[in-house]
Amino acid sequence: MKYSWDLIQTFNAVATRGSLLAAARSLGMSQPTVGRQIGMLEAALNVTLFVRSRDGMALTEAGADLVDASTAMVHSAEAFSRRAAGLDADLAGAVRVSVNEVLGTYVLPTILRDFMEQNPEIEVEVDISNAAVNLSRRDADVALRMFRPTQNDLVGRKIADIRRGFFASKRYLDKYGRPDNFADLGRHRLIGFDRETIHIDTVRALGVTVSPQDFAFRSDTIVAQLEALKVGLGIGILHQRLAARMEGVEQVLKTADLPTVPLWIVCHTEVRYNRRIRLLVEFLADRLKALYVNRTNAQLEKLDDDSIPTNSADNKG
C-alpha cells in the first residue's frame, strides 16, 4: 500500500511538535489542513495515530511505532533538497539569509541593495531572528552568526571580531553628563536586555557588578534598545563601527575593553557550490569586512570555504 509523502511529512511534524498548530506553522499550512491530512492517513492505515486532547496530540502505540521511519524519510528529503540546491547552476532564483536584528535592520539592507542591483535575477529572502536557524533543514541558505559553528555539515568563514563600546546620544550626555569611569555608570540610566543576560555578562566581564535592576530601560528586542539609545533614554552597548555611522551618537568610557563578538558567514556544505548562494556569500563577506575589519590589522582571520566552522543558544550581539 502506498501513502502520500505529504501525509507522512505532516504526521512527522505533528508527532515531533506535539500539536496541530505547531505542525501547521512549521509546514506553512493551516491547522485545519493538518488535521484533515492526519485523518486521511489514519483512514488509509485504519489505525488511530494520535489521541487528541486540550494539551495537544499524544501518540498512540501505533503512532509511536511509525515515528522513527517517518523521521528517516524527512531527513532523506531534506538531504535531497540540499543536494539538489547545490547542483543548481542557474543564477535566477531565491537565496534565503538568516541574520540577527542588528545586522538585518541596520547593515544588511544597503548591502543587499547593491548586490541586487548587480544581480537583478537573484531574489533575496531575509529571516531576521536572534535564534540560530537550522541550516540542515534548509530554513535558510546562508546565515550570519555571532558564534563559531561546530556542526560537521556546515562550512563557514570568519569575517571579523566585532568591537563594542558604551554609547549614548549626545542629547542625553549633554543633559546628564559623561561618565568618567565605571563607578559613574551607577548614576546613569542604562539600556539593556530584559530576560537575556548578554549585557550583564559583558559588563561583569569587566569586573563591574550589575544586576537586571541596574538597567532602567530593558527590552529583548535589540532594535528597541538602539532606538531608545538614539532618542536619549540612556547608555547602551553598540558595535563601534555601526555606531560610527549613526548621527548624534557618542562613545563614552572609550578605554573600556569590552569582549569582542565574532562574526561568521555560514552555509550547509551541500549548497556551497550553488552559484547564486556562493555569489551572495562572497559579496556579503567582502562588504562586511569593509565595514567591520580594522584595515590596519594585518592579522585578519579568514578561513577557507572548506573549513569546518559552536553551537550557541542565540545569535545576538
C-alpha atoms as a PDB file:
ATOM      1  CA  MET A   1       0.000   0.000   0.000  1.00  0.00           C
ATOM      2  CA  LYS A   2       1.373   3.460  -0.963  1.00  0.00           C
ATOM      3  CA  TYR A   3       0.973   6.558   1.145  1.00  0.00           C
ATOM      4  CA  SER A   4       1.415  10.159   0.062  1.00  0.00           C
ATOM      5  CA  TRP A   5       4.679  11.761   1.153  1.00  0.00           C
ATOM      6  CA  ASP A   6       2.703  14.839   2.163  1.00  0.00           C
ATOM      7  CA  LEU A   7       0.731  12.797   4.682  1.00  0.00           C
ATOM      8  CA  ILE A   8       3.867  11.201   6.138  1.00  0.00           C
ATOM      9  CA  GLN A   9       5.571  14.593   6.411  1.00  0.00           C
ATOM     10  CA  THR A  10       2.519  16.001   8.184  1.00  0.00           C
ATOM     11  CA  PHE A  11       2.409  13.016  10.553  1.00  0.00           C
ATOM     12  CA  ASN A  12       6.064  13.542  11.472  1.00  0.00           C
ATOM     13  CA  ALA A  13       5.552  17.266  12.073  1.00  0.00           C
ATOM     14  CA  VAL A  14       2.635  16.624  14.445  1.00  0.00           C
ATOM     15  CA  ALA A  15       4.463  13.774  16.187  1.00  0.00           C
ATOM     16  CA  THR A  16       7.631  15.799  16.797  1.00  0.00           C
ATOM     17  CA  ARG A  17       5.947  19.103  17.671  1.00  0.00           C
ATOM     18  CA  GLY A  18       3.045  17.765  19.704  1.00  0.00           C
ATOM     19  CA  SER A  19       0.193  19.849  18.310  1.00  0.00           C
ATOM     20  CA  LEU A  20      -1.651  20.603  15.087  1.00  0.00           C
ATOM     21  CA  LEU A  21      -0.906  24.326  15.417  1.00  0.00           C
ATOM     22  CA  ALA A  22       2.856  23.917  15.858  1.00  0.00           C
ATOM     23  CA  ALA A  23       2.978  21.449  12.974  1.00  0.00           C
ATOM     24  CA  ALA A  24       0.984  23.805  10.764  1.00  0.00           C
ATOM     25  CA  ARG A  25       3.396  26.648  11.455  1.00  0.00           C
ATOM     26  CA  SER A  26       6.414  24.520  10.634  1.00  0.00           C
ATOM     27  CA  LEU A  27       4.866  23.287   7.383  1.00  0.00           C
ATOM     28  CA  GLY A  28       3.397  26.608   6.279  1.00  0.00           C
ATOM     29  CA  MET A  29      -0.101  25.137   6.249  1.00  0.00           C
ATOM     30  CA  SER A  30      -3.368  25.883   8.039  1.00  0.00           C
ATOM     31  CA  GLN A  31      -4.272  23.981  11.176  1.00  0.00           C
ATOM     32  CA  PRO A  32      -7.479  22.518   9.636  1.00  0.00           C
ATOM     33  CA  THR A  33      -5.441  21.216   6.665  1.00  0.00           C
ATOM     34  CA  VAL A  34      -3.016  19.473   9.006  1.00  0.00           C
ATOM     35  CA  GLY A  35      -5.938  17.933  10.891  1.00  0.00           C
ATOM     36  CA  ARG A  36      -7.516  16.698   7.666  1.00  0.00           C
ATOM     37  CA  GLN A  37      -4.260  15.126   6.494  1.00  0.00           C
ATOM     38  CA  ILE A  38      -3.827  13.283   9.788  1.00  0.00           C
ATOM     39  CA  GLY A  39      -7.398  11.994   9.395  1.00  0.00           C
ATOM     40  CA  MET A  40      -6.661  10.860   5.837  1.00  0.00           C
ATOM     41  CA  LEU A  41      -3.544   8.961   6.944  1.00  0.00           C
ATOM     42  CA  GLU A  42      -5.376   7.319   9.831  1.00  0.00           C
ATOM     43  CA  ALA A  43      -8.173   6.267   7.456  1.00  0.00           C
ATOM     44  CA  ALA A  44      -5.680   4.859   4.951  1.00  0.00           C
ATOM     45  CA  LEU A  45      -3.862   2.913   7.667  1.00  0.00           C
ATOM     46  CA  ASN A  46      -7.076   2.023   9.502  1.00  0.00           C
ATOM     47  CA  VAL A  47      -5.410   2.860  12.824  1.00  0.00           C
ATOM     48  CA  THR A  48      -5.540   5.731  15.328  1.00  0.00           C
ATOM     49  CA  LEU A  49      -2.222   7.591  15.385  1.00  0.00           C
ATOM     50  CA  PHE A  50      -2.961  10.274  17.949  1.00  0.00           C
ATOM     51  CA  VAL A  51      -5.108  10.847  20.996  1.00  0.00           C
ATOM     52  CA  ARG A  52      -6.425  14.375  20.813  1.00  0.00           C
ATOM     53  CA  SER A  53      -6.721  16.492  23.970  1.00  0.00           C
ATOM     54  CA  ARG A  54      -6.609  20.107  25.087  1.00  0.00           C
ATOM     55  CA  ASP A  55      -2.889  19.601  25.800  1.00  0.00           C
ATOM     56  CA  GLY A  56      -2.132  18.631  22.202  1.00  0.00           C
ATOM     57  CA  MET A  57      -1.672  15.470  20.187  1.00  0.00           C
ATOM     58  CA  ALA A  58      -0.360  12.399  22.050  1.00  0.00           C
ATOM     59  CA  LEU A  59       0.933   9.463  20.022  1.00  0.00           C
ATOM     60  CA  THR A  60      -0.805   6.145  20.357  1.00  0.00           C
ATOM     61  CA  GLU A  61       1.281   2.978  20.449  1.00  0.00           C
ATOM     62  CA  ALA A  62       0.682   2.526  16.708  1.00  0.00           C
ATOM     63  CA  GLY A  63       1.709   6.119  16.033  1.00  0.00           C
ATOM     64  CA  ALA A  64       4.866   5.806  18.128  1.00  0.00           C
ATOM     65  CA  ASP A  65       5.897   2.771  16.061  1.00  0.00           C
ATOM     66  CA  LEU A  66       5.952   4.920  12.919  1.00  0.00           C
ATOM     67  CA  VAL A  67       7.874   7.960  14.185  1.00  0.00           C
ATOM     68  CA  ASP A  68      11.410   6.711  13.519  1.00  0.00           C
ATOM     69  CA  ALA A  69      10.553   5.626   9.976  1.00  0.00           C
ATOM     70  CA  SER A  70       8.879   8.949   9.188  1.00  0.00           C
ATOM     71  CA  THR A  71      11.836  10.880  10.666  1.00  0.00           C
ATOM     72  CA  ALA A  72      14.247   8.956   8.448  1.00  0.00           C
ATOM     73  CA  MET A  73      12.125   9.892   5.423  1.00  0.00           C
ATOM     74  CA  VAL A  74      12.101  13.565   6.444  1.00  0.00           C
ATOM     75  CA  HIS A  75      15.887  13.590   6.798  1.00  0.00           C
ATOM     76  CA  SER A  76      16.272  11.922   3.400  1.00  0.00           C
ATOM     77  CA  ALA A  77      14.001  14.509   1.812  1.00  0.00           C
ATOM     78  CA  GLU A  78      15.979  17.350   3.423  1.00  0.00           C
ATOM     79  CA  ALA A  79      19.238  15.842   2.177  1.00  0.00           C
ATOM     80  CA  PHE A  80      17.761  15.537  -1.323  1.00  0.00           C
ATOM     81  CA  SER A  81      16.679  19.186  -1.214  1.00  0.00           C
ATOM     82  CA  ARG A  82      20.117  20.370  -0.093  1.00  0.00           C
ATOM     83  CA  ARG A  83      21.907  18.276  -2.680  1.00  0.00           C
ATOM     84  CA  ALA A  84      19.595  19.500  -5.446  1.00  0.00           C
ATOM     85  CA  ALA A  85      20.130  23.110  -4.366  1.00  0.00           C
ATOM     86  CA  GLY A  86      23.874  22.584  -4.517  1.00  0.00           C
ATOM     87  CA  LEU A  87      23.624  21.370  -8.106  1.00  0.00           C
ATOM     88  CA  ASP A  88      21.614  24.380  -9.241  1.00  0.00           C
ATOM     89  CA  ALA A  89      23.790  26.351 -11.653  1.00  0.00           C
ATOM     90  CA  ASP A  90      21.095  28.863 -12.572  1.00  0.00           C
ATOM     91  CA  LEU A  91      21.576  32.358 -11.185  1.00  0.00           C
ATOM     92  CA  ALA A  92      17.854  33.105 -11.350  1.00  0.00           C
ATOM     93  CA  GLY A  93      16.098  32.208  -8.118  1.00  0.00           C
ATOM     94  CA  ALA A  94      15.981  32.954  -4.410  1.00  0.00           C
ATOM     95  CA  VAL A  95      18.560  32.848  -1.624  1.00  0.00           C
ATOM     96  CA  ARG A  96      17.368  32.915   1.995  1.00  0.00           C
ATOM     97  CA  VAL A  97      19.583  34.666   4.547  1.00  0.00           C
ATOM     98  CA  SER A  98      19.260  34.323   8.319  1.00  0.00           C
ATOM     99  CA  VAL A  99      20.573  37.282  10.308  1.00  0.00           C
ATOM    100  CA  ASN A 100      20.102  38.882  13.712  1.00  0.00           C
ATOM    101  CA  GLU A 101      18.219  42.114  14.375  1.00  0.00           C
ATOM    102  CA  VAL A 102      21.186  44.474  14.373  1.00  0.00           C
ATOM    103  CA  LEU A 103      22.715  43.348  11.085  1.00  0.00           C
ATOM    104  CA  GLY A 104      19.362  42.650   9.459  1.00  0.00           C
ATOM    105  CA  THR A 105      17.970  46.093  10.255  1.00  0.00           C
ATOM    106  CA  TYR A 106      20.943  48.459  10.162  1.00  0.00           C
ATOM    107  CA  VAL A 107      23.581  46.801   7.964  1.00  0.00           C
ATOM    108  CA  LEU A 108      22.166  44.274   5.516  1.00  0.00           C
ATOM    109  CA  PRO A 109      19.636  46.423   3.589  1.00  0.00           C
ATOM    110  CA  THR A 110      22.299  48.649   1.993  1.00  0.00           C
ATOM    111  CA  ILE A 111      24.490  45.673   1.148  1.00  0.00           C
ATOM    112  CA  LEU A 112      21.586  43.760  -0.397  1.00  0.00           C
ATOM    113  CA  ARG A 113      20.526  46.810  -2.389  1.00  0.00           C
ATOM    114  CA  ASP A 114      23.934  46.899  -4.062  1.00  0.00           C
ATOM    115  CA  PHE A 115      24.005  43.128  -4.541  1.00  0.00           C
ATOM    116  CA  MET A 116      20.555  43.011  -6.158  1.00  0.00           C
ATOM    117  CA  GLU A 117      21.351  45.960  -8.420  1.00  0.00           C
ATOM    118  CA  GLN A 118      24.316  43.953  -9.733  1.00  0.00           C
ATOM    119  CA  ASN A 119      22.362  40.665  -9.807  1.00  0.00           C
ATOM    120  CA  PRO A 120      18.739  41.517 -10.611  1.00  0.00           C
ATOM    121  CA  GLU A 121      17.884  37.897 -11.401  1.00  0.00           C
ATOM    122  CA  ILE A 122      18.562  36.815  -7.806  1.00  0.00           C
ATOM    123  CA  GLU A 123      15.838  37.207  -5.174  1.00  0.00           C
ATOM    124  CA  VAL A 124      16.865  37.543  -1.526  1.00  0.00           C
ATOM    125  CA  GLU A 125      14.699  36.446   1.383  1.00  0.00           C
ATOM    126  CA  VAL A 126      15.769  37.737   4.812  1.00  0.00           C
ATOM    127  CA  ASP A 127      14.871  35.915   8.030  1.00  0.00           C
ATOM    128  CA  ILE A 128      15.559  38.288  10.929  1.00  0.00           C
ATOM    129  CA  SER A 129      15.870  36.349  14.162  1.00  0.00           C
ATOM    130  CA  ASN A 130      18.201  36.249  17.137  1.00  0.00           C
ATOM    131  CA  ALA A 131      17.854  32.466  17.208  1.00  0.00           C
ATOM    132  CA  ALA A 132      20.149  30.240  15.150  1.00  0.00           C
ATOM    133  CA  VAL A 133      18.090  28.654  12.364  1.00  0.00           C
ATOM    134  CA  ASN A 134      18.580  25.067  11.224  1.00  0.00           C
ATOM    135  CA  LEU A 135      20.621  25.148   8.017  1.00  0.00           C
ATOM    136  CA  SER A 136      20.376  21.364   7.684  1.00  0.00           C
ATOM    137  CA  ARG A 137      16.606  21.708   7.225  1.00  0.00           C
ATOM    138  CA  ARG A 138      17.110  24.492   4.665  1.00  0.00           C
ATOM    139  CA  ASP A 139      15.443  27.005   6.998  1.00  0.00           C
ATOM    140  CA  ALA A 140      17.976  29.315   5.377  1.00  0.00           C
ATOM    141  CA  ASP A 141      20.688  29.001   2.744  1.00  0.00           C
ATOM    142  CA  VAL A 142      23.140  31.396   4.379  1.00  0.00           C
ATOM    143  CA  ALA A 143      23.439  32.565   7.994  1.00  0.00           C
ATOM    144  CA  LEU A 144      25.328  35.419   9.600  1.00  0.00           C
ATOM    145  CA  ARG A 145      26.171  34.282  13.112  1.00  0.00           C
ATOM    146  CA  MET A 146      27.822  35.764  16.174  1.00  0.00           C
ATOM    147  CA  PHE A 147      29.487  32.490  17.136  1.00  0.00           C
ATOM    148  CA  ARG A 148      31.646  29.821  15.530  1.00  0.00           C
ATOM    149  CA  PRO A 149      29.516  26.911  14.273  1.00  0.00           C
ATOM    150  CA  THR A 150      30.707  23.410  15.087  1.00  0.00           C
ATOM    151  CA  GLN A 151      28.291  21.138  13.216  1.00  0.00           C
ATOM    152  CA  ASN A 152      30.201  18.900  10.816  1.00  0.00           C
ATOM    153  CA  ASP A 153      27.767  19.561   7.956  1.00  0.00           C
ATOM    154  CA  LEU A 154      28.355  23.325   7.950  1.00  0.00           C
ATOM    155  CA  VAL A 155      31.120  25.367   6.369  1.00  0.00           C
ATOM    156  CA  GLY A 156      31.910  28.927   7.251  1.00  0.00           C
ATOM    157  CA  ARG A 157      34.248  31.866   7.175  1.00  0.00           C
ATOM    158  CA  LYS A 158      35.094  34.196   9.988  1.00  0.00           C
ATOM    159  CA  ILE A 159      34.602  37.774   8.846  1.00  0.00           C
ATOM    160  CA  ALA A 160      35.756  39.781  11.844  1.00  0.00           C
ATOM    161  CA  ASP A 161      35.843  40.240  15.584  1.00  0.00           C
ATOM    162  CA  ILE A 162      33.296  42.971  16.167  1.00  0.00           C
ATOM    163  CA  ARG A 163      34.375  45.599  18.679  1.00  0.00           C
ATOM    164  CA  ARG A 164      31.756  47.018  21.016  1.00  0.00           C
ATOM    165  CA  GLY A 165      31.578  50.008  23.300  1.00  0.00           C
ATOM    166  CA  PHE A 166      29.368  52.115  25.547  1.00  0.00           C
ATOM    167  CA  PHE A 167      27.352  54.711  23.638  1.00  0.00           C
ATOM    168  CA  ALA A 168      24.640  57.292  24.254  1.00  0.00           C
ATOM    169  CA  SER A 169      23.027  60.088  22.334  1.00  0.00           C
ATOM    170  CA  LYS A 170      24.697  63.483  22.589  1.00  0.00           C
ATOM    171  CA  ARG A 171      21.348  64.829  23.754  1.00  0.00           C
ATOM    172  CA  TYR A 172      21.411  62.506  26.752  1.00  0.00           C
ATOM    173  CA  LEU A 173      25.071  63.188  27.560  1.00  0.00           C
ATOM    174  CA  ASP A 174      24.691  66.958  27.296  1.00  0.00           C
ATOM    175  CA  LYS A 175      21.810  66.763  29.764  1.00  0.00           C
ATOM    176  CA  TYR A 176      23.099  64.195  32.265  1.00  0.00           C
ATOM    177  CA  GLY A 177      26.868  64.365  31.818  1.00  0.00           C
ATOM    178  CA  ARG A 178      29.522  61.976  30.575  1.00  0.00           C
ATOM    179  CA  PRO A 179      30.721  59.158  32.842  1.00  0.00           C
ATOM    180  CA  ASP A 180      34.456  59.240  33.601  1.00  0.00           C
ATOM    181  CA  ASN A 181      34.660  55.699  34.984  1.00  0.00           C
ATOM    182  CA  PHE A 182      32.608  52.613  35.726  1.00  0.00           C
ATOM    183  CA  ALA A 183      31.538  53.984  39.095  1.00  0.00           C
ATOM    184  CA  ASP A 184      29.900  56.885  37.266  1.00  0.00           C
ATOM    185  CA  LEU A 185      27.646  54.458  35.404  1.00  0.00           C
ATOM    186  CA  GLY A 186      25.701  53.958  38.628  1.00  0.00           C
ATOM    187  CA  ARG A 187      24.216  57.444  38.343  1.00  0.00           C
ATOM    188  CA  HIS A 188      23.154  56.978  34.719  1.00  0.00           C
ATOM    189  CA  ARG A 189      20.236  55.249  33.048  1.00  0.00           C
ATOM    190  CA  LEU A 190      21.444  52.056  31.372  1.00  0.00           C
ATOM    191  CA  ILE A 191      19.844  50.284  28.429  1.00  0.00           C
ATOM    192  CA  GLY A 192      19.922  46.511  28.189  1.00  0.00           C
ATOM    193  CA  PHE A 193      18.094  43.243  27.797  1.00  0.00           C
ATOM    194  CA  ASP A 194      15.054  42.157  29.771  1.00  0.00           C
ATOM    195  CA  ARG A 195      15.246  38.372  30.210  1.00  0.00           C
ATOM    196  CA  GLU A 196      18.554  37.862  28.442  1.00  0.00           C
ATOM    197  CA  THR A 197      21.797  38.421  30.375  1.00  0.00           C
ATOM    198  CA  ILE A 198      24.114  39.347  27.497  1.00  0.00           C
ATOM    199  CA  HIS A 199      24.865  42.923  28.570  1.00  0.00           C
ATOM    200  CA  ILE A 200      25.043  41.952  32.243  1.00  0.00           C
ATOM    201  CA  ASP A 201      27.597  39.267  31.402  1.00  0.00           C
ATOM    202  CA  THR A 202      29.542  41.733  29.256  1.00  0.00           C
ATOM    203  CA  VAL A 203      29.785  44.347  31.998  1.00  0.00           C
ATOM    204  CA  ARG A 204      30.580  41.752  34.667  1.00  0.00           C
ATOM    205  CA  ALA A 205      33.485  40.556  32.492  1.00  0.00           C
ATOM    206  CA  LEU A 206      34.985  43.990  33.131  1.00  0.00           C
ATOM    207  CA  GLY A 207      34.817  43.397  36.877  1.00  0.00           C
ATOM    208  CA  VAL A 208      31.744  45.578  37.402  1.00  0.00           C
ATOM    209  CA  THR A 209      28.899  44.132  39.463  1.00  0.00           C
ATOM    210  CA  VAL A 210      25.489  44.796  37.915  1.00  0.00           C
ATOM    211  CA  SER A 211      22.021  43.275  38.141  1.00  0.00           C
ATOM    212  CA  PRO A 212      18.959  43.473  35.873  1.00  0.00           C
ATOM    213  CA  GLN A 213      17.566  46.250  38.072  1.00  0.00           C
ATOM    214  CA  ASP A 214      20.524  48.451  37.144  1.00  0.00           C
ATOM    215  CA  PHE A 215      19.137  48.721  33.595  1.00  0.00           C
ATOM    216  CA  ALA A 216      16.451  51.402  33.561  1.00  0.00           C
ATOM    217  CA  PHE A 217      15.264  50.524  30.044  1.00  0.00           C
ATOM    218  CA  ARG A 218      15.055  46.801  29.309  1.00  0.00           C
ATOM    219  CA  SER A 219      13.994  45.029  26.135  1.00  0.00           C
ATOM    220  CA  ASP A 220      14.963  41.747  24.480  1.00  0.00           C
ATOM    221  CA  THR A 221      14.383  43.441  21.118  1.00  0.00           C
ATOM    222  CA  ILE A 222      17.741  44.880  20.108  1.00  0.00           C
ATOM    223  CA  VAL A 223      16.208  47.354  17.669  1.00  0.00           C
ATOM    224  CA  ALA A 224      14.140  48.804  20.529  1.00  0.00           C
ATOM    225  CA  GLN A 225      17.333  49.213  22.560  1.00  0.00           C
ATOM    226  CA  LEU A 226      19.092  51.061  19.754  1.00  0.00           C
ATOM    227  CA  GLU A 227      16.168  53.358  19.103  1.00  0.00           C
ATOM    228  CA  ALA A 228      15.871  54.068  22.831  1.00  0.00           C
ATOM    229  CA  LEU A 229      19.556  54.957  22.908  1.00  0.00           C
ATOM    230  CA  LYS A 230      19.265  57.238  19.887  1.00  0.00           C
ATOM    231  CA  VAL A 231      16.398  59.278  21.383  1.00  0.00           C
ATOM    232  CA  GLY A 232      18.237  59.765  24.679  1.00  0.00           C
ATOM    233  CA  LEU A 233      16.884  57.191  27.112  1.00  0.00           C
ATOM    234  CA  GLY A 234      20.298  56.180  28.410  1.00  0.00           C
ATOM    235  CA  ILE A 235      23.656  54.498  27.824  1.00  0.00           C
ATOM    236  CA  GLY A 236      23.852  51.187  25.973  1.00  0.00           C
ATOM    237  CA  ILE A 237      26.284  48.862  24.214  1.00  0.00           C
ATOM    238  CA  LEU A 238      26.726  49.072  20.419  1.00  0.00           C
ATOM    239  CA  HIS A 239      29.024  47.789  17.686  1.00  0.00           C
ATOM    240  CA  GLN A 240      31.654  50.524  17.328  1.00  0.00           C
ATOM    241  CA  ARG A 241      31.633  50.541  13.522  1.00  0.00           C
ATOM    242  CA  LEU A 242      27.839  50.654  13.420  1.00  0.00           C
ATOM    243  CA  ALA A 243      27.662  53.457  15.977  1.00  0.00           C
ATOM    244  CA  ALA A 244      30.177  55.474  13.958  1.00  0.00           C
ATOM    245  CA  ARG A 245      27.606  55.648  11.150  1.00  0.00           C
ATOM    246  CA  MET A 246      24.831  56.970  13.426  1.00  0.00           C
ATOM    247  CA  GLU A 247      24.348  60.698  13.768  1.00  0.00           C
ATOM    248  CA  GLY A 248      24.034  62.139  17.247  1.00  0.00           C
ATOM    249  CA  VAL A 249      25.577  59.100  18.996  1.00  0.00           C
ATOM    250  CA  GLU A 250      28.772  59.371  21.059  1.00  0.00           C
ATOM    251  CA  GLN A 251      31.027  56.761  22.653  1.00  0.00           C
ATOM    252  CA  VAL A 252      31.810  57.036  26.371  1.00  0.00           C
ATOM    253  CA  LEU A 253      34.315  55.172  28.534  1.00  0.00           C
ATOM    254  CA  LYS A 254      36.469  54.605  25.464  1.00  0.00           C
ATOM    255  CA  THR A 255      39.118  52.749  27.440  1.00  0.00           C
ATOM    256  CA  ALA A 256      36.631  50.032  28.423  1.00  0.00           C
ATOM    257  CA  ASP A 257      37.833  46.852  26.767  1.00  0.00           C
ATOM    258  CA  LEU A 258      34.558  45.048  26.075  1.00  0.00           C
ATOM    259  CA  PRO A 259      34.762  41.443  24.816  1.00  0.00           C
ATOM    260  CA  THR A 260      34.562  41.297  21.039  1.00  0.00           C
ATOM    261  CA  VAL A 261      31.885  39.328  19.181  1.00  0.00           C
ATOM    262  CA  PRO A 262      32.915  37.073  16.268  1.00  0.00           C
ATOM    263  CA  LEU A 263      31.030  37.419  13.003  1.00  0.00           C
ATOM    264  CA  TRP A 264      30.749  34.299  10.821  1.00  0.00           C
ATOM    265  CA  ILE A 265      29.096  33.659   7.494  1.00  0.00           C
ATOM    266  CA  VAL A 266      27.870  30.064   7.292  1.00  0.00           C
ATOM    267  CA  CYS A 267      26.109  27.712   4.880  1.00  0.00           C
ATOM    268  CA  HIS A 268      25.482  23.981   4.573  1.00  0.00           C
ATOM    269  CA  THR A 269      28.263  22.007   2.916  1.00  0.00           C
ATOM    270  CA  GLU A 270      25.919  20.630   0.239  1.00  0.00           C
ATOM    271  CA  VAL A 271      24.790  24.043  -1.072  1.00  0.00           C
ATOM    272  CA  ARG A 272      28.097  25.929  -1.031  1.00  0.00           C
ATOM    273  CA  TYR A 273      28.684  25.414  -4.774  1.00  0.00           C
ATOM    274  CA  ASN A 274      25.262  26.716  -5.757  1.00  0.00           C
ATOM    275  CA  ARG A 275      26.145  29.698  -7.970  1.00  0.00           C
ATOM    276  CA  ARG A 276      23.777  32.275  -6.514  1.00  0.00           C
ATOM    277  CA  ILE A 277      24.476  31.209  -2.914  1.00  0.00           C
ATOM    278  CA  ARG A 278      28.221  31.376  -3.456  1.00  0.00           C
ATOM    279  CA  LEU A 279      27.908  34.730  -5.195  1.00  0.00           C
ATOM    280  CA  LEU A 280      25.960  36.193  -2.279  1.00  0.00           C
ATOM    281  CA  VAL A 281      28.343  34.695   0.289  1.00  0.00           C
ATOM    282  CA  GLU A 282      31.345  36.321  -1.401  1.00  0.00           C
ATOM    283  CA  PHE A 283      29.560  39.655  -1.722  1.00  0.00           C
ATOM    284  CA  LEU A 284      28.479  39.646   1.927  1.00  0.00           C
ATOM    285  CA  ALA A 285      31.964  38.668   3.076  1.00  0.00           C
ATOM    286  CA  ASP A 286      33.620  41.498   1.140  1.00  0.00           C
ATOM    287  CA  ARG A 287      31.184  44.178   2.262  1.00  0.00           C
ATOM    288  CA  LEU A 288      31.081  43.109   5.904  1.00  0.00           C
ATOM    289  CA  LYS A 289      34.871  43.057   6.051  1.00  0.00           C
ATOM    290  CA  ALA A 290      34.943  46.588   4.659  1.00  0.00           C
ATOM    291  CA  LEU A 291      32.613  47.653   7.477  1.00  0.00           C
ATOM    292  CA  TYR A 292      33.960  45.750  10.462  1.00  0.00           C
ATOM    293  CA  VAL A 293      37.594  44.880   9.856  1.00  0.00           C
ATOM    294  CA  ASN A 294      40.237  47.318  11.050  1.00  0.00           C
ATOM    295  CA  ARG A 295      42.286  47.831   7.898  1.00  0.00           C
ATOM    296  CA  THR A 296      45.424  48.449   9.969  1.00  0.00           C
ATOM    297  CA  ASN A 297      45.152  44.997  11.497  1.00  0.00           C
ATOM    298  CA  ALA A 298      47.142  42.632   9.311  1.00  0.00           C
ATOM    299  CA  GLN A 299      46.073  39.636  11.359  1.00  0.00           C
ATOM    300  CA  LEU A 300      42.579  39.292   9.932  1.00  0.00           C
ATOM    301  CA  GLU A 301      41.472  35.713  10.407  1.00  0.00           C
ATOM    302  CA  LYS A 302      39.897  34.238   7.307  1.00  0.00           C
ATOM    303  CA  LEU A 303      39.114  30.557   6.901  1.00  0.00           C
ATOM    304  CA  ASP A 304      38.743  28.711   3.632  1.00  0.00           C
ATOM    305  CA  ASP A 305      35.255  27.713   2.493  1.00  0.00           C
ATOM    306  CA  ASP A 306      36.114  24.090   3.239  1.00  0.00           C
ATOM    307  CA  SER A 307      36.911  24.812   6.883  1.00  0.00           C
ATOM    308  CA  ILE A 308      34.561  23.251   9.371  1.00  0.00           C
ATOM    309  CA  PRO A 309      33.285  26.211  11.134  1.00  0.00           C
ATOM    310  CA  THR A 310      29.813  26.496  18.441  1.00  0.00           C
ATOM    311  CA  ASN A 311      26.577  25.961  18.666  1.00  0.00           C
ATOM    312  CA  SER A 312      25.064  28.710  20.728  1.00  0.00           C
ATOM    313  CA  ALA A 313      21.630  29.343  22.128  1.00  0.00           C
ATOM    314  CA  ASP A 314      21.363  32.612  20.298  1.00  0.00           C
ATOM    315  CA  ASN A 315      22.684  34.834  17.600  1.00  0.00           C
ATOM    316  CA  LYS A 316      22.689  38.104  19.497  1.00  0.00           C
ATOM    317  CA  GLY A 317      25.435  40.656  19.505  1.00  0.00           C
END
